[in-house]
């Protein structure tokens, strides 16, 4: 059990924001010590606002992992950016992550302007320090330090874990004394079905590379617990017939490999053998259709 007798228990909510590919999911998976969020080298991998819960002796932080902030090109993109902006309200702190390997551009300027309009304290994490020399790092710290009222600037590597303990200490220092919001063994507010769908989507992103960009969605149709295994049936939705062909691959080879890799992650998640059945369905222009967005878990139900 978490003991609160010897010290004050700090708890609060932290919105994690940044440009696509800043390393938000990599950092949160590292801090949680397990894979909760999917990772890809493609931008805009995270689509929903996902709560990740970190509980330690000193307190509990509920991180809100948000979609990368970008200029939307369709209704799905608008939903993603809206989710990121929404998460900045009513939190105790904002963690703004920057990819140091990328040049400072309009995307960062847009986020800086958003931060200037909020009174919520913001901690800046400069990610991928392992790719820079000390001189380059000092120059980037100076570049960012005058742009907004950052309560702290912490250089880190989400990939190697370098300086992430210091970042966590800084964030805990910004948290008020408070209750435990979630049971200590809970690491996300998302149901298992959501995480299973995300794990399948991750494998599609990894294996299809740039041929099938972000026009896919994954829906878990059924989960049946049998005596010796869990049977999972999932549907991969694409926008065009050509994308369906790419995902299935010659003789179904690509789809089999997607299924094999996703099954391993789902088995690790459930702690049980899994039989995973994948189907591919074409739904034309689903990213611009409000009904499809709602059906596939993006956007709010009206009513």
Protein backbone atom coordinates (compact mmCIF):
# COMPACT_ATOMS: atom_id res chain seq x y z
CA UNK A 1 0.00 0.00 0.00
CA UNK A 2 1.00 3.59 -0.56
CA UNK A 3 1.83 5.15 2.78
CA UNK A 4 0.89 8.79 3.40
CA UNK A 5 1.77 8.96 7.11
CA UNK A 6 5.41 9.99 6.79
CA UNK A 7 4.86 12.77 4.28
CA UNK A 8 2.23 14.68 2.36
CA UNK A 9 0.73 12.78 -0.57
CA UNK A 10 0.86 14.89 -3.71
CA UNK A 11 -1.55 14.29 -6.56
CA UNK A 12 -2.76 16.04 -9.64
CA UNK A 13 -3.36 16.09 -13.37
CA UNK A 14 -0.74 16.94 -16.00
CA UNK A 15 -1.48 17.58 -19.67
CA UNK A 16 1.33 16.36 -21.94
CA UNK A 17 1.42 18.43 -25.12
CA UNK A 18 3.76 18.92 -28.06
CA UNK A 19 4.16 18.63 -31.79
CA UNK A 20 3.59 15.23 -33.45
CA UNK A 21 6.57 12.92 -32.86
CA UNK A 22 7.86 14.85 -29.84
CA UNK A 23 8.15 11.56 -27.91
CA UNK A 24 5.18 11.91 -25.55
CA UNK A 25 4.09 8.26 -25.71
CA UNK A 26 7.70 7.02 -25.41
CA UNK A 27 8.19 9.10 -22.25
CA UNK A 28 4.95 7.99 -20.61
CA UNK A 29 5.57 4.30 -21.36
CA UNK A 30 9.02 4.72 -19.78
CA UNK A 31 7.67 6.45 -16.65
CA UNK A 32 4.92 3.85 -16.21
CA UNK A 33 7.38 0.99 -16.74
CA UNK A 34 5.07 -0.74 -19.20
CA UNK A 35 3.54 -0.27 -22.61
CA UNK A 36 0.21 1.51 -22.41
CA UNK A 37 0.53 3.87 -25.37
CA UNK A 38 1.32 2.91 -28.94
CA UNK A 39 4.45 4.24 -30.56
CA UNK A 40 5.33 4.93 -34.17
CA UNK A 41 7.85 7.06 -36.01
CA UNK A 42 4.93 8.59 -37.90
CA UNK A 43 3.42 11.84 -36.61
CA UNK A 44 -0.09 11.99 -35.13
CA UNK A 45 -0.02 8.42 -33.79
CA UNK A 46 -2.01 9.32 -30.66
CA UNK A 47 -5.58 10.25 -31.56
CA UNK A 48 -7.50 10.33 -28.30
CA UNK A 49 -6.76 11.92 -24.96
CA UNK A 50 -5.54 9.02 -22.85
CA UNK A 51 -5.04 9.16 -19.09
CA UNK A 52 -1.93 7.41 -17.79
CA UNK A 53 -1.65 6.97 -14.04
CA UNK A 54 1.65 6.95 -12.18
CA UNK A 55 1.47 6.08 -8.47
CA UNK A 56 4.46 6.22 -6.13
CA UNK A 57 5.12 6.67 -2.40
CA UNK A 58 5.27 10.44 -2.86
CA UNK A 59 1.99 10.71 -4.74
CA UNK A 60 -0.03 10.10 -7.88
CA UNK A 61 0.20 11.90 -11.22
CA UNK A 62 -2.50 11.46 -13.84
CA UNK A 63 -0.89 12.27 -17.18
CA UNK A 64 -3.17 13.21 -20.07
CA UNK A 65 -1.40 12.04 -23.22
CA UNK A 66 -2.72 14.13 -26.08
CA UNK A 67 -2.59 14.01 -29.88
CA UNK A 68 0.27 15.99 -31.39
CA UNK A 69 -0.75 19.57 -32.14
CA UNK A 70 -0.76 20.15 -35.91
CA UNK A 71 -2.74 21.91 -38.64
CA UNK A 72 -5.77 19.67 -39.22
CA UNK A 73 -6.58 18.47 -42.76
CA UNK A 74 -9.81 16.59 -42.00
CA UNK A 75 -12.45 16.19 -39.28
CA UNK A 76 -10.35 13.56 -37.50
CA UNK A 77 -7.48 16.06 -37.35
CA UNK A 78 -9.81 18.74 -35.93
CA UNK A 79 -10.95 16.30 -33.25
CA UNK A 80 -7.33 15.45 -32.36
CA UNK A 81 -6.22 19.09 -32.00
CA UNK A 82 -9.41 19.87 -30.06
CA UNK A 83 -8.60 17.03 -27.64
CA UNK A 84 -5.11 18.45 -27.07
CA UNK A 85 -6.37 22.00 -26.44
CA UNK A 86 -9.16 20.75 -24.16
CA UNK A 87 -6.66 18.88 -22.00
CA UNK A 88 -4.83 22.10 -21.12
CA UNK A 89 -7.85 23.34 -19.16
CA UNK A 90 -8.40 22.38 -15.54
CA UNK A 91 -5.10 20.56 -15.01
CA UNK A 92 -2.51 21.27 -12.32
CA UNK A 93 0.40 21.53 -14.74
CA UNK A 94 1.31 21.29 -18.41
CA UNK A 95 4.28 19.25 -19.65
CA UNK A 96 5.37 20.65 -23.00
CA UNK A 97 7.64 18.27 -24.91
CA UNK A 98 9.93 19.43 -27.70
CA UNK A 99 11.89 17.25 -30.12
CA UNK A 100 15.39 18.77 -30.13
CA UNK A 101 16.28 17.00 -33.37
CA UNK A 102 13.69 19.10 -35.23
CA UNK A 103 14.07 22.77 -36.17
CA UNK A 104 12.03 25.41 -34.37
CA UNK A 105 9.13 26.30 -36.65
CA UNK A 106 5.52 27.51 -36.94
CA UNK A 107 4.24 24.46 -35.02
CA UNK A 108 6.23 25.36 -31.90
CA UNK A 109 5.25 29.05 -32.29
CA UNK A 110 1.58 28.01 -32.32
CA UNK A 111 1.99 26.02 -29.09
CA UNK A 112 3.97 28.83 -27.41
CA UNK A 113 1.10 31.25 -28.18
CA UNK A 114 -1.37 28.76 -26.65
CA UNK A 115 0.80 28.55 -23.51
CA UNK A 116 0.93 32.34 -23.17
CA UNK A 117 -2.86 32.36 -22.91
CA UNK A 118 -2.99 29.94 -19.96
CA UNK A 119 -2.23 30.55 -16.30
CA UNK A 120 -1.46 26.84 -15.71
CA UNK A 121 2.22 26.29 -14.76
CA UNK A 122 4.22 24.74 -17.58
CA UNK A 123 7.33 22.54 -17.45
CA UNK A 124 9.36 22.29 -20.66
CA UNK A 125 10.97 18.91 -21.45
CA UNK A 126 13.59 19.12 -24.20
CA UNK A 127 13.66 15.59 -25.60
CA UNK A 128 16.35 13.65 -27.51
CA UNK A 129 19.36 15.19 -25.73
CA UNK A 130 21.28 12.05 -26.68
CA UNK A 131 21.43 13.41 -30.25
CA UNK A 132 23.04 16.77 -29.34
CA UNK A 133 26.41 18.00 -28.12
CA UNK A 134 26.53 20.03 -24.87
CA UNK A 135 27.08 23.24 -26.85
CA UNK A 136 24.05 22.53 -29.08
CA UNK A 137 21.93 21.75 -26.02
CA UNK A 138 22.89 24.99 -24.24
CA UNK A 139 22.00 26.93 -27.38
CA UNK A 140 18.55 25.27 -27.59
CA UNK A 141 17.87 25.89 -23.87
CA UNK A 142 18.64 29.59 -24.37
CA UNK A 143 16.46 29.63 -27.48
CA UNK A 144 13.42 28.37 -25.56
CA UNK A 145 13.96 30.01 -22.15
CA UNK A 146 12.75 33.46 -23.23
CA UNK A 147 9.73 32.30 -25.20
CA UNK A 148 7.31 31.64 -22.33
CA UNK A 149 7.12 31.58 -18.53
CA UNK A 150 8.39 28.01 -18.06
CA UNK A 151 8.55 26.96 -14.40
CA UNK A 152 11.42 24.60 -15.29
CA UNK A 153 13.34 23.46 -18.37
CA UNK A 154 14.51 19.86 -18.17
CA UNK A 155 16.60 18.23 -20.94
CA UNK A 156 15.78 14.51 -21.24
CA UNK A 157 15.93 11.45 -23.45
CA UNK A 158 12.60 9.60 -23.37
CA UNK A 159 14.22 6.75 -25.29
CA UNK A 160 17.15 6.10 -22.92
CA UNK A 161 15.48 7.44 -19.75
CA UNK A 162 18.23 10.03 -19.24
CA UNK A 163 17.21 12.69 -16.69
CA UNK A 164 13.58 11.48 -16.54
CA UNK A 165 13.87 11.04 -12.74
CA UNK A 166 14.69 14.74 -12.46
CA UNK A 167 11.74 15.62 -14.71
CA UNK A 168 9.42 13.55 -12.51
CA UNK A 169 10.75 15.29 -9.37
CA UNK A 170 10.07 18.70 -10.93
CA UNK A 171 6.51 17.68 -11.88
CA UNK A 172 5.76 16.23 -8.42
CA UNK A 173 6.95 19.52 -6.88
CA UNK A 174 4.24 21.32 -8.90
CA UNK A 175 1.47 19.00 -7.65
CA UNK A 176 -0.77 20.07 -4.76
CA UNK A 177 -1.38 17.87 -1.72
CA UNK A 178 -4.35 15.71 -2.60
CA UNK A 179 -6.11 12.33 -2.67
CA UNK A 180 -5.39 9.20 -4.68
CA UNK A 181 -7.69 9.49 -7.70
CA UNK A 182 -7.20 5.94 -8.97
CA UNK A 183 -6.30 2.60 -7.35
CA UNK A 184 -2.51 2.25 -7.16
CA UNK A 185 -2.38 -0.72 -9.55
CA UNK A 186 -4.24 1.14 -12.33
CA UNK A 187 -2.10 2.60 -15.11
CA UNK A 188 -4.73 3.89 -17.55
CA UNK A 189 -8.37 4.97 -17.62
CA UNK A 190 -8.89 3.24 -20.98
CA UNK A 191 -10.67 -0.13 -21.21
CA UNK A 192 -8.72 -3.18 -22.39
CA UNK A 193 -10.60 -3.16 -25.71
CA UNK A 194 -9.29 0.32 -26.51
CA UNK A 195 -5.70 -0.70 -25.77
CA UNK A 196 -6.06 -3.90 -27.84
CA UNK A 197 -7.32 -1.86 -30.80
CA UNK A 198 -4.41 0.56 -30.41
CA UNK A 199 -1.89 -2.30 -30.35
CA UNK A 200 -3.27 -3.63 -33.64
CA UNK A 201 -3.16 -0.12 -35.14
CA UNK A 202 0.45 0.28 -34.02
CA UNK A 203 1.49 -2.86 -35.93
CA UNK A 204 -0.27 -1.66 -39.08
CA UNK A 205 1.60 1.67 -38.83
CA UNK A 206 4.91 -0.10 -38.26
CA UNK A 207 4.62 -2.65 -41.06
CA UNK A 208 2.95 -0.64 -43.83
CA UNK A 209 5.29 2.34 -43.48
CA UNK A 210 4.20 5.29 -45.67
CA UNK A 211 1.95 3.26 -47.96
CA UNK A 212 -1.03 3.37 -45.60
CA UNK A 213 -0.69 6.58 -43.59
CA UNK A 214 -3.27 7.58 -41.02
CA UNK A 215 -6.38 6.45 -42.85
CA UNK A 216 -6.81 3.38 -40.66
CA UNK A 217 -8.95 2.71 -37.63
CA UNK A 218 -9.25 -0.49 -35.61
CA UNK A 219 -12.40 -1.70 -33.89
CA UNK A 220 -12.52 -4.69 -31.53
CA UNK A 221 -15.72 -6.47 -32.50
CA UNK A 222 -15.74 -9.21 -29.88
CA UNK A 223 -13.75 -10.64 -26.99
CA UNK A 224 -14.61 -14.17 -25.85
CA UNK A 225 -12.95 -15.78 -22.86
CA UNK A 226 -12.58 -19.49 -23.54
CA UNK A 227 -11.18 -22.09 -21.12
CA UNK A 228 -7.61 -21.98 -22.39
CA UNK A 229 -7.43 -18.68 -24.28
CA UNK A 230 -9.09 -15.37 -25.14
CA UNK A 231 -10.55 -15.06 -28.64
CA UNK A 232 -10.36 -11.53 -30.04
CA UNK A 233 -11.96 -10.46 -33.32
CA UNK A 234 -10.84 -7.09 -34.71
CA UNK A 235 -11.68 -5.08 -37.79
CA UNK A 236 -9.11 -2.86 -39.53
CA UNK A 237 -10.88 -0.02 -41.38
CA UNK A 238 -9.25 1.74 -44.33
CA UNK A 239 -10.45 4.40 -46.80
CA UNK A 240 -9.48 2.82 -50.14
CA UNK A 241 -9.43 -0.62 -51.79
CA UNK A 242 -5.73 -0.16 -52.60
CA UNK A 243 -4.99 0.25 -48.86
CA UNK A 244 -6.89 -2.94 -48.12
CA UNK A 245 -4.67 -4.79 -50.59
CA UNK A 246 -1.50 -3.41 -49.00
CA UNK A 247 -2.57 -4.42 -45.47
CA UNK A 248 -3.54 -7.96 -46.54
CA UNK A 249 -0.41 -8.36 -48.69
CA UNK A 250 0.45 -11.12 -51.15
CA UNK A 251 -1.24 -14.34 -50.04
CA UNK A 252 -2.36 -12.62 -46.81
CA UNK A 253 1.25 -12.51 -45.59
CA UNK A 254 1.21 -8.90 -44.35
CA UNK A 255 -2.03 -9.30 -42.37
CA UNK A 256 -0.70 -12.50 -40.77
CA UNK A 257 2.43 -10.67 -39.58
CA UNK A 258 0.36 -7.74 -38.24
CA UNK A 259 -1.76 -10.26 -36.36
CA UNK A 260 1.24 -12.18 -35.02
CA UNK A 261 2.96 -9.08 -33.59
CA UNK A 262 -0.29 -7.61 -32.20
CA UNK A 263 -1.17 -10.95 -30.57
CA UNK A 264 2.13 -10.99 -28.65
CA UNK A 265 1.42 -7.52 -27.20
CA UNK A 266 -2.21 -8.38 -26.42
CA UNK A 267 -1.10 -11.56 -24.64
CA UNK A 268 1.30 -9.46 -22.54
CA UNK A 269 -1.57 -7.06 -21.76
CA UNK A 270 -4.09 -9.77 -20.80
CA UNK A 271 -1.63 -12.27 -19.30
CA UNK A 272 -3.32 -15.04 -21.25
CA UNK A 273 -2.94 -16.91 -24.58
CA UNK A 274 -4.84 -15.08 -27.34
CA UNK A 275 -6.38 -16.13 -30.65
CA UNK A 276 -6.57 -12.95 -32.74
CA UNK A 277 -8.73 -12.79 -35.85
CA UNK A 278 -8.26 -9.76 -38.14
CA UNK A 279 -10.53 -8.51 -40.93
CA UNK A 280 -10.00 -5.54 -43.27
CA UNK A 281 -12.93 -3.36 -44.31
CA UNK A 282 -13.09 -0.33 -46.65
CA UNK A 283 -15.09 2.68 -45.45
CA UNK A 284 -14.66 5.51 -47.95
CA UNK A 285 -13.54 8.87 -46.50
CA UNK A 286 -14.33 7.80 -42.90
CA UNK A 287 -12.07 10.49 -41.41
CA UNK A 288 -14.44 13.21 -42.65
CA UNK A 289 -17.67 11.50 -41.58
CA UNK A 290 -19.03 12.41 -38.16
CA UNK A 291 -20.92 9.11 -37.78
CA UNK A 292 -17.83 7.04 -38.60
CA UNK A 293 -15.66 9.10 -36.24
CA UNK A 294 -18.10 8.45 -33.40
CA UNK A 295 -18.41 4.73 -34.26
CA UNK A 296 -14.62 4.32 -34.27
CA UNK A 297 -14.14 6.11 -30.94
CA UNK A 298 -13.31 9.67 -32.03
CA UNK A 299 -15.53 12.58 -31.12
CA UNK A 300 -18.30 12.91 -28.60
CA UNK A 301 -21.75 11.39 -28.76
CA UNK A 302 -24.41 14.04 -29.11
CA UNK A 303 -27.20 14.09 -26.58
